[in-house]
């Protein structure tokens, strides 16, 4: 009798564990799908770079400014009036429900980067912001096993993926490897450590600024 009770208790415990694990896997899968949807929208940044390279600085700045005004109007009604737009609301993170969402900060970052930095620096910084961030989020959620102590939801695997992707992006636009590594390293560090401020604004500005500084110093470094 005792044996039967023990076996039943063990079976019940294992069933609960399996339900918890299954629930965790479902949650992870749902979280990953949501992240994929968000990043798919962000990948439209490649259109920004294509228009920039094809039609020049003034054209892309005009288009981005008009776009910024349009999305700010949408954000106004969403935040101030509590209007829920299904397509927009489904892509928001929990912390963005009652404040400006990431694409607003990203658009501002693009406008500043294109206005201030050289074409190749600005283009690389913009794509690092989206493709690098997307690779970190997706690889971190899908393959993350080694979590960085003291940081929330930051996996070493995700950081490594972002750095590699950023280096590839930098190599496409820039000929000097020191500039590429500085920009990729800056983008990875900012995305990993940024918590209270929006990394969609910080990454294009910080990586672009640091890369531009190195580019200006190259004649004096003999590299």
C-alpha atoms as a PDB file:
ATOM      1  CA  UNK A   1       0.000   0.000   0.000  1.00  0.00           C
ATOM      2  CA  UNK A   2       2.801   2.370   0.960  1.00  0.00           C
ATOM      3  CA  UNK A   3       4.548   1.493  -2.294  1.00  0.00           C
ATOM      4  CA  UNK A   4       1.447   2.308  -4.324  1.00  0.00           C
ATOM      5  CA  UNK A   5       1.035   5.644  -2.556  1.00  0.00           C
ATOM      6  CA  UNK A   6       4.711   6.428  -3.130  1.00  0.00           C
ATOM      7  CA  UNK A   7       4.504   5.557  -6.816  1.00  0.00           C
ATOM      8  CA  UNK A   8       1.317   7.631  -7.183  1.00  0.00           C
ATOM      9  CA  UNK A   9       2.975  10.603  -5.481  1.00  0.00           C
ATOM     10  CA  UNK A  10       6.005  10.286  -7.733  1.00  0.00           C
ATOM     11  CA  UNK A  11       3.791  10.075 -10.827  1.00  0.00           C
ATOM     12  CA  UNK A  12       1.801  13.115  -9.721  1.00  0.00           C
ATOM     13  CA  UNK A  13       4.978  15.075  -9.060  1.00  0.00           C
ATOM     14  CA  UNK A  14       6.431  14.165 -12.451  1.00  0.00           C
ATOM     15  CA  UNK A  15       3.153  15.128 -14.125  1.00  0.00           C
ATOM     16  CA  UNK A  16       3.278  18.531 -12.475  1.00  0.00           C
ATOM     17  CA  UNK A  17       6.899  18.988 -13.548  1.00  0.00           C
ATOM     18  CA  UNK A  18       6.046  18.043 -17.131  1.00  0.00           C
ATOM     19  CA  UNK A  19       3.133  20.510 -17.121  1.00  0.00           C
ATOM     20  CA  UNK A  20       5.383  23.277 -15.801  1.00  0.00           C
ATOM     21  CA  UNK A  21       8.099  22.495 -18.355  1.00  0.00           C
ATOM     22  CA  UNK A  22       5.564  22.360 -21.164  1.00  0.00           C
ATOM     23  CA  UNK A  23       4.118  25.662 -19.997  1.00  0.00           C
ATOM     24  CA  UNK A  24       7.598  27.185 -19.923  1.00  0.00           C
ATOM     25  CA  UNK A  25       8.339  25.928 -23.434  1.00  0.00           C
ATOM     26  CA  UNK A  26       5.040  27.323 -24.684  1.00  0.00           C
ATOM     27  CA  UNK A  27       5.776  30.652 -23.025  1.00  0.00           C
ATOM     28  CA  UNK A  28       9.262  30.713 -24.541  1.00  0.00           C
ATOM     29  CA  UNK A  29       7.883  29.833 -27.961  1.00  0.00           C
ATOM     30  CA  UNK A  30       5.221  32.546 -27.707  1.00  0.00           C
ATOM     31  CA  UNK A  31       7.801  35.059 -26.517  1.00  0.00           C
ATOM     32  CA  UNK A  32      10.109  34.157 -29.397  1.00  0.00           C
ATOM     33  CA  UNK A  33       7.304  34.506 -31.975  1.00  0.00           C
ATOM     34  CA  UNK A  34       6.389  37.920 -30.555  1.00  0.00           C
ATOM     35  CA  UNK A  35      10.036  38.990 -30.763  1.00  0.00           C
ATOM     36  CA  UNK A  36      10.285  37.757 -34.348  1.00  0.00           C
ATOM     37  CA  UNK A  37       7.255  39.873 -35.293  1.00  0.00           C
ATOM     38  CA  UNK A  38       8.774  42.948 -33.654  1.00  0.00           C
ATOM     39  CA  UNK A  39      12.125  42.483 -35.332  1.00  0.00           C
ATOM     40  CA  UNK A  40      10.539  41.835 -38.721  1.00  0.00           C
ATOM     41  CA  UNK A  41       9.084  45.349 -38.551  1.00  0.00           C
ATOM     42  CA  UNK A  42      12.437  46.798 -37.501  1.00  0.00           C
ATOM     43  CA  UNK A  43      14.177  45.206 -40.470  1.00  0.00           C
ATOM     44  CA  UNK A  44      12.480  47.781 -42.691  1.00  0.00           C
ATOM     45  CA  UNK A  45      15.505  49.908 -41.728  1.00  0.00           C
ATOM     46  CA  UNK A  46      17.180  48.482 -44.824  1.00  0.00           C
ATOM     47  CA  UNK A  47      14.720  50.586 -46.853  1.00  0.00           C
ATOM     48  CA  UNK A  48      16.011  53.677 -45.053  1.00  0.00           C
ATOM     49  CA  UNK A  49      19.585  52.874 -46.033  1.00  0.00           C
ATOM     50  CA  UNK A  50      18.668  52.047 -49.645  1.00  0.00           C
ATOM     51  CA  UNK A  51      16.758  55.332 -50.081  1.00  0.00           C
ATOM     52  CA  UNK A  52      19.605  57.204 -48.378  1.00  0.00           C
ATOM     53  CA  UNK A  53      22.250  55.747 -50.696  1.00  0.00           C
ATOM     54  CA  UNK A  54      20.104  56.075 -53.814  1.00  0.00           C
ATOM     55  CA  UNK A  55      18.545  59.522 -53.364  1.00  0.00           C
ATOM     56  CA  UNK A  56      20.798  61.321 -50.930  1.00  0.00           C
ATOM     57  CA  UNK A  57      20.688  62.905 -47.489  1.00  0.00           C
ATOM     58  CA  UNK A  58      18.056  65.583 -48.031  1.00  0.00           C
ATOM     59  CA  UNK A  59      15.508  63.162 -49.467  1.00  0.00           C
ATOM     60  CA  UNK A  60      15.779  60.593 -46.699  1.00  0.00           C
ATOM     61  CA  UNK A  61      15.765  63.260 -43.985  1.00  0.00           C
ATOM     62  CA  UNK A  62      12.571  64.736 -45.422  1.00  0.00           C
ATOM     63  CA  UNK A  63      10.896  61.320 -45.586  1.00  0.00           C
ATOM     64  CA  UNK A  64      12.015  60.369 -42.073  1.00  0.00           C
ATOM     65  CA  UNK A  65      10.795  63.680 -40.643  1.00  0.00           C
ATOM     66  CA  UNK A  66       7.362  63.237 -42.221  1.00  0.00           C
ATOM     67  CA  UNK A  67       7.276  59.649 -40.964  1.00  0.00           C
ATOM     68  CA  UNK A  68       8.275  60.778 -37.467  1.00  0.00           C
ATOM     69  CA  UNK A  69       5.433  63.309 -37.343  1.00  0.00           C
ATOM     70  CA  UNK A  70       2.962  60.656 -38.514  1.00  0.00           C
ATOM     71  CA  UNK A  71       3.973  58.066 -35.916  1.00  0.00           C
ATOM     72  CA  UNK A  72       4.018  60.701 -33.173  1.00  0.00           C
ATOM     73  CA  UNK A  73       0.405  61.493 -34.007  1.00  0.00           C
ATOM     74  CA  UNK A  74      -0.444  57.801 -33.718  1.00  0.00           C
ATOM     75  CA  UNK A  75       1.450  57.618 -30.426  1.00  0.00           C
ATOM     76  CA  UNK A  76      -0.421  60.654 -29.145  1.00  0.00           C
ATOM     77  CA  UNK A  77      -3.810  59.020 -29.627  1.00  0.00           C
ATOM     78  CA  UNK A  78      -2.499  55.698 -28.315  1.00  0.00           C
ATOM     79  CA  UNK A  79      -0.934  57.070 -25.129  1.00  0.00           C
ATOM     80  CA  UNK A  80      -2.967  60.171 -24.291  1.00  0.00           C
ATOM     81  CA  UNK A  81      -6.374  58.904 -25.432  1.00  0.00           C
ATOM     82  CA  UNK A  82      -5.873  55.218 -24.687  1.00  0.00           C
ATOM     83  CA  UNK A  83      -6.715  54.137 -28.224  1.00  0.00           C
ATOM     84  CA  UNK A  84      -5.579  50.587 -29.017  1.00  0.00           C
ATOM     85  CA  UNK A  85      -4.633  50.068 -32.633  1.00  0.00           C
ATOM     86  CA  UNK A  86      -4.571  46.265 -33.130  1.00  0.00           C
ATOM     87  CA  UNK A  87      -1.518  46.118 -35.408  1.00  0.00           C
ATOM     88  CA  UNK A  88       0.502  48.568 -33.310  1.00  0.00           C
ATOM     89  CA  UNK A  89      -0.615  47.308 -29.895  1.00  0.00           C
ATOM     90  CA  UNK A  90       0.202  43.679 -30.661  1.00  0.00           C
ATOM     91  CA  UNK A  91       3.855  44.555 -31.272  1.00  0.00           C
ATOM     92  CA  UNK A  92       4.384  46.596 -28.124  1.00  0.00           C
ATOM     93  CA  UNK A  93       6.405  45.418 -25.180  1.00  0.00           C
ATOM     94  CA  UNK A  94       4.856  45.688 -21.738  1.00  0.00           C
ATOM     95  CA  UNK A  95       6.966  48.722 -20.834  1.00  0.00           C
ATOM     96  CA  UNK A  96       5.889  50.524 -24.028  1.00  0.00           C
ATOM     97  CA  UNK A  97       2.151  50.359 -23.393  1.00  0.00           C
ATOM     98  CA  UNK A  98       1.975  53.807 -21.779  1.00  0.00           C
ATOM     99  CA  UNK A  99       5.031  55.484 -23.263  1.00  0.00           C
ATOM    100  CA  UNK A 100       6.687  56.136 -26.618  1.00  0.00           C
ATOM    101  CA  UNK A 101       7.558  52.921 -28.414  1.00  0.00           C
ATOM    102  CA  UNK A 102      10.948  51.942 -29.783  1.00  0.00           C
ATOM    103  CA  UNK A 103      10.314  52.865 -33.424  1.00  0.00           C
ATOM    104  CA  UNK A 104       9.900  56.524 -32.432  1.00  0.00           C
ATOM    105  CA  UNK A 105      13.322  56.589 -30.781  1.00  0.00           C
ATOM    106  CA  UNK A 106      14.813  54.645 -33.680  1.00  0.00           C
ATOM    107  CA  UNK A 107      13.497  57.184 -36.198  1.00  0.00           C
ATOM    108  CA  UNK A 108      14.941  60.038 -34.149  1.00  0.00           C
ATOM    109  CA  UNK A 109      18.250  58.191 -33.947  1.00  0.00           C
ATOM    110  CA  UNK A 110      18.276  57.708 -37.733  1.00  0.00           C
ATOM    111  CA  UNK A 111      17.580  61.388 -38.367  1.00  0.00           C
ATOM    112  CA  UNK A 112      20.413  62.501 -36.082  1.00  0.00           C
ATOM    113  CA  UNK A 113      22.871  59.888 -37.386  1.00  0.00           C
ATOM    114  CA  UNK A 114      22.219  60.771 -41.039  1.00  0.00           C
ATOM    115  CA  UNK A 115      22.455  64.503 -40.245  1.00  0.00           C
ATOM    116  CA  UNK A 116      25.760  64.284 -38.358  1.00  0.00           C
ATOM    117  CA  UNK A 117      27.820  61.287 -39.493  1.00  0.00           C
ATOM    118  CA  UNK A 118      29.357  60.385 -42.862  1.00  0.00           C
ATOM    119  CA  UNK A 119      27.214  58.243 -45.143  1.00  0.00           C
ATOM    120  CA  UNK A 120      29.043  54.954 -44.498  1.00  0.00           C
ATOM    121  CA  UNK A 121      29.122  55.467 -40.719  1.00  0.00           C
ATOM    122  CA  UNK A 122      25.440  56.397 -40.532  1.00  0.00           C
ATOM    123  CA  UNK A 123      24.364  53.488 -42.754  1.00  0.00           C
ATOM    124  CA  UNK A 124      26.331  50.945 -40.721  1.00  0.00           C
ATOM    125  CA  UNK A 125      25.087  52.355 -37.413  1.00  0.00           C
ATOM    126  CA  UNK A 126      21.452  52.215 -38.528  1.00  0.00           C
ATOM    127  CA  UNK A 127      21.651  48.603 -39.681  1.00  0.00           C
ATOM    128  CA  UNK A 128      23.603  47.570 -36.573  1.00  0.00           C
ATOM    129  CA  UNK A 129      20.754  48.960 -34.499  1.00  0.00           C
ATOM    130  CA  UNK A 130      18.160  46.715 -36.130  1.00  0.00           C
ATOM    131  CA  UNK A 131      19.968  43.618 -37.414  1.00  0.00           C
ATOM    132  CA  UNK A 132      22.315  43.465 -34.420  1.00  0.00           C
ATOM    133  CA  UNK A 133      19.522  43.956 -31.921  1.00  0.00           C
ATOM    134  CA  UNK A 134      17.353  41.412 -33.733  1.00  0.00           C
ATOM    135  CA  UNK A 135      20.099  38.774 -33.718  1.00  0.00           C
ATOM    136  CA  UNK A 136      20.759  39.329 -30.008  1.00  0.00           C
ATOM    137  CA  UNK A 137      17.079  38.988 -29.104  1.00  0.00           C
ATOM    138  CA  UNK A 138      16.357  35.991 -31.333  1.00  0.00           C
ATOM    139  CA  UNK A 139      19.511  34.011 -30.603  1.00  0.00           C
ATOM    140  CA  UNK A 140      19.306  34.879 -26.912  1.00  0.00           C
ATOM    141  CA  UNK A 141      15.748  33.611 -26.619  1.00  0.00           C
ATOM    142  CA  UNK A 142      16.227  30.586 -28.871  1.00  0.00           C
ATOM    143  CA  UNK A 143      19.689  29.398 -27.838  1.00  0.00           C
ATOM    144  CA  UNK A 144      20.494  31.300 -24.646  1.00  0.00           C
ATOM    145  CA  UNK A 145      22.071  29.011 -22.046  1.00  0.00           C
ATOM    146  CA  UNK A 146      24.682  31.220 -20.391  1.00  0.00           C
ATOM    147  CA  UNK A 147      23.052  34.214 -18.744  1.00  0.00           C
ATOM    148  CA  UNK A 148      25.065  37.284 -17.786  1.00  0.00           C
ATOM    149  CA  UNK A 149      24.976  37.817 -13.981  1.00  0.00           C
ATOM    150  CA  UNK A 150      23.273  40.998 -12.839  1.00  0.00           C
ATOM    151  CA  UNK A 151      21.524  41.633 -16.151  1.00  0.00           C
ATOM    152  CA  UNK A 152      17.928  40.841 -17.074  1.00  0.00           C
ATOM    153  CA  UNK A 153      17.404  38.461 -20.011  1.00  0.00           C
ATOM    154  CA  UNK A 154      20.905  38.894 -21.422  1.00  0.00           C
ATOM    155  CA  UNK A 155      22.543  35.727 -22.751  1.00  0.00           C
ATOM    156  CA  UNK A 156      26.169  35.415 -23.824  1.00  0.00           C
ATOM    157  CA  UNK A 157      24.991  33.616 -26.967  1.00  0.00           C
ATOM    158  CA  UNK A 158      22.803  36.570 -27.931  1.00  0.00           C
ATOM    159  CA  UNK A 159      25.614  39.081 -27.344  1.00  0.00           C
ATOM    160  CA  UNK A 160      28.028  36.998 -29.429  1.00  0.00           C
ATOM    161  CA  UNK A 161      25.501  36.759 -32.264  1.00  0.00           C
ATOM    162  CA  UNK A 162      24.956  40.507 -32.220  1.00  0.00           C
ATOM    163  CA  UNK A 163      28.667  41.282 -32.297  1.00  0.00           C
ATOM    164  CA  UNK A 164      29.258  38.931 -35.249  1.00  0.00           C
ATOM    165  CA  UNK A 165      26.326  40.371 -37.210  1.00  0.00           C
ATOM    166  CA  UNK A 166      27.479  43.932 -36.451  1.00  0.00           C
ATOM    167  CA  UNK A 167      31.005  43.138 -37.651  1.00  0.00           C
ATOM    168  CA  UNK A 168      29.607  41.774 -40.927  1.00  0.00           C
ATOM    169  CA  UNK A 169      27.474  44.913 -41.384  1.00  0.00           C
ATOM    170  CA  UNK A 170      30.424  47.163 -40.621  1.00  0.00           C
ATOM    171  CA  UNK A 171      32.629  45.311 -43.103  1.00  0.00           C
ATOM    172  CA  UNK A 172      30.093  45.953 -45.867  1.00  0.00           C
ATOM    173  CA  UNK A 173      30.270  49.731 -45.474  1.00  0.00           C
ATOM    174  CA  UNK A 174      33.702  50.389 -43.972  1.00  0.00           C
ATOM    175  CA  UNK A 175      37.196  49.467 -45.113  1.00  0.00           C
ATOM    176  CA  UNK A 176      39.036  49.922 -41.826  1.00  0.00           C
ATOM    177  CA  UNK A 177      38.689  47.051 -39.351  1.00  0.00           C
ATOM    178  CA  UNK A 178      39.401  49.203 -36.309  1.00  0.00           C
ATOM    179  CA  UNK A 179      36.372  51.376 -37.093  1.00  0.00           C
ATOM    180  CA  UNK A 180      34.280  48.253 -37.721  1.00  0.00           C
ATOM    181  CA  UNK A 181      35.274  46.645 -34.417  1.00  0.00           C
ATOM    182  CA  UNK A 182      34.742  49.844 -32.429  1.00  0.00           C
ATOM    183  CA  UNK A 183      31.264  50.345 -33.872  1.00  0.00           C
ATOM    184  CA  UNK A 184      30.290  46.675 -33.464  1.00  0.00           C
ATOM    185  CA  UNK A 185      31.642  46.584 -29.919  1.00  0.00           C
ATOM    186  CA  UNK A 186      29.848  49.805 -28.990  1.00  0.00           C
ATOM    187  CA  UNK A 187      26.545  48.594 -30.431  1.00  0.00           C
ATOM    188  CA  UNK A 188      26.814  45.275 -28.587  1.00  0.00           C
ATOM    189  CA  UNK A 189      27.724  46.843 -25.242  1.00  0.00           C
ATOM    190  CA  UNK A 190      24.976  49.466 -25.452  1.00  0.00           C
ATOM    191  CA  UNK A 191      22.308  46.929 -26.415  1.00  0.00           C
ATOM    192  CA  UNK A 192      23.426  44.643 -23.593  1.00  0.00           C
ATOM    193  CA  UNK A 193      23.631  47.245 -20.839  1.00  0.00           C
ATOM    194  CA  UNK A 194      20.883  49.723 -21.792  1.00  0.00           C
ATOM    195  CA  UNK A 195      17.914  49.329 -19.470  1.00  0.00           C
ATOM    196  CA  UNK A 196      16.189  52.575 -18.569  1.00  0.00           C
ATOM    197  CA  UNK A 197      16.999  54.382 -21.816  1.00  0.00           C
ATOM    198  CA  UNK A 198      15.905  53.130 -25.239  1.00  0.00           C
ATOM    199  CA  UNK A 199      18.675  51.343 -27.132  1.00  0.00           C
ATOM    200  CA  UNK A 200      17.007  52.172 -30.462  1.00  0.00           C
ATOM    201  CA  UNK A 201      18.132  55.757 -29.883  1.00  0.00           C
ATOM    202  CA  UNK A 202      21.455  55.062 -28.167  1.00  0.00           C
ATOM    203  CA  UNK A 203      22.946  52.472 -30.531  1.00  0.00           C
ATOM    204  CA  UNK A 204      22.964  54.509 -33.789  1.00  0.00           C
ATOM    205  CA  UNK A 205      24.242  57.586 -31.956  1.00  0.00           C
ATOM    206  CA  UNK A 206      26.888  55.974 -29.739  1.00  0.00           C
ATOM    207  CA  UNK A 207      28.206  53.494 -32.310  1.00  0.00           C
ATOM    208  CA  UNK A 208      28.192  56.168 -35.017  1.00  0.00           C
ATOM    209  CA  UNK A 209      29.911  58.711 -32.775  1.00  0.00           C
ATOM    210  CA  UNK A 210      32.634  56.314 -31.627  1.00  0.00           C
ATOM    211  CA  UNK A 211      33.199  55.047 -35.160  1.00  0.00           C
ATOM    212  CA  UNK A 212      33.437  58.603 -36.476  1.00  0.00           C
ATOM    213  CA  UNK A 213      35.955  59.570 -33.797  1.00  0.00           C
ATOM    214  CA  UNK A 214      38.173  56.616 -34.725  1.00  0.00           C
ATOM    215  CA  UNK A 215      37.780  57.461 -38.424  1.00  0.00           C
ATOM    216  CA  UNK A 216      38.974  61.026 -37.758  1.00  0.00           C
ATOM    217  CA  UNK A 217      41.932  59.774 -35.699  1.00  0.00           C
ATOM    218  CA  UNK A 218      43.116  57.205 -38.268  1.00  0.00           C
ATOM    219  CA  UNK A 219      45.502  59.613 -40.077  1.00  0.00           C
ATOM    220  CA  UNK A 220      47.296  60.181 -36.776  1.00  0.00           C
ATOM    221  CA  UNK A 221      47.372  56.499 -35.781  1.00  0.00           C
ATOM    222  CA  UNK A 222      49.060  55.229 -38.949  1.00  0.00           C
ATOM    223  CA  UNK A 223      46.514  52.367 -39.203  1.00  0.00           C
END
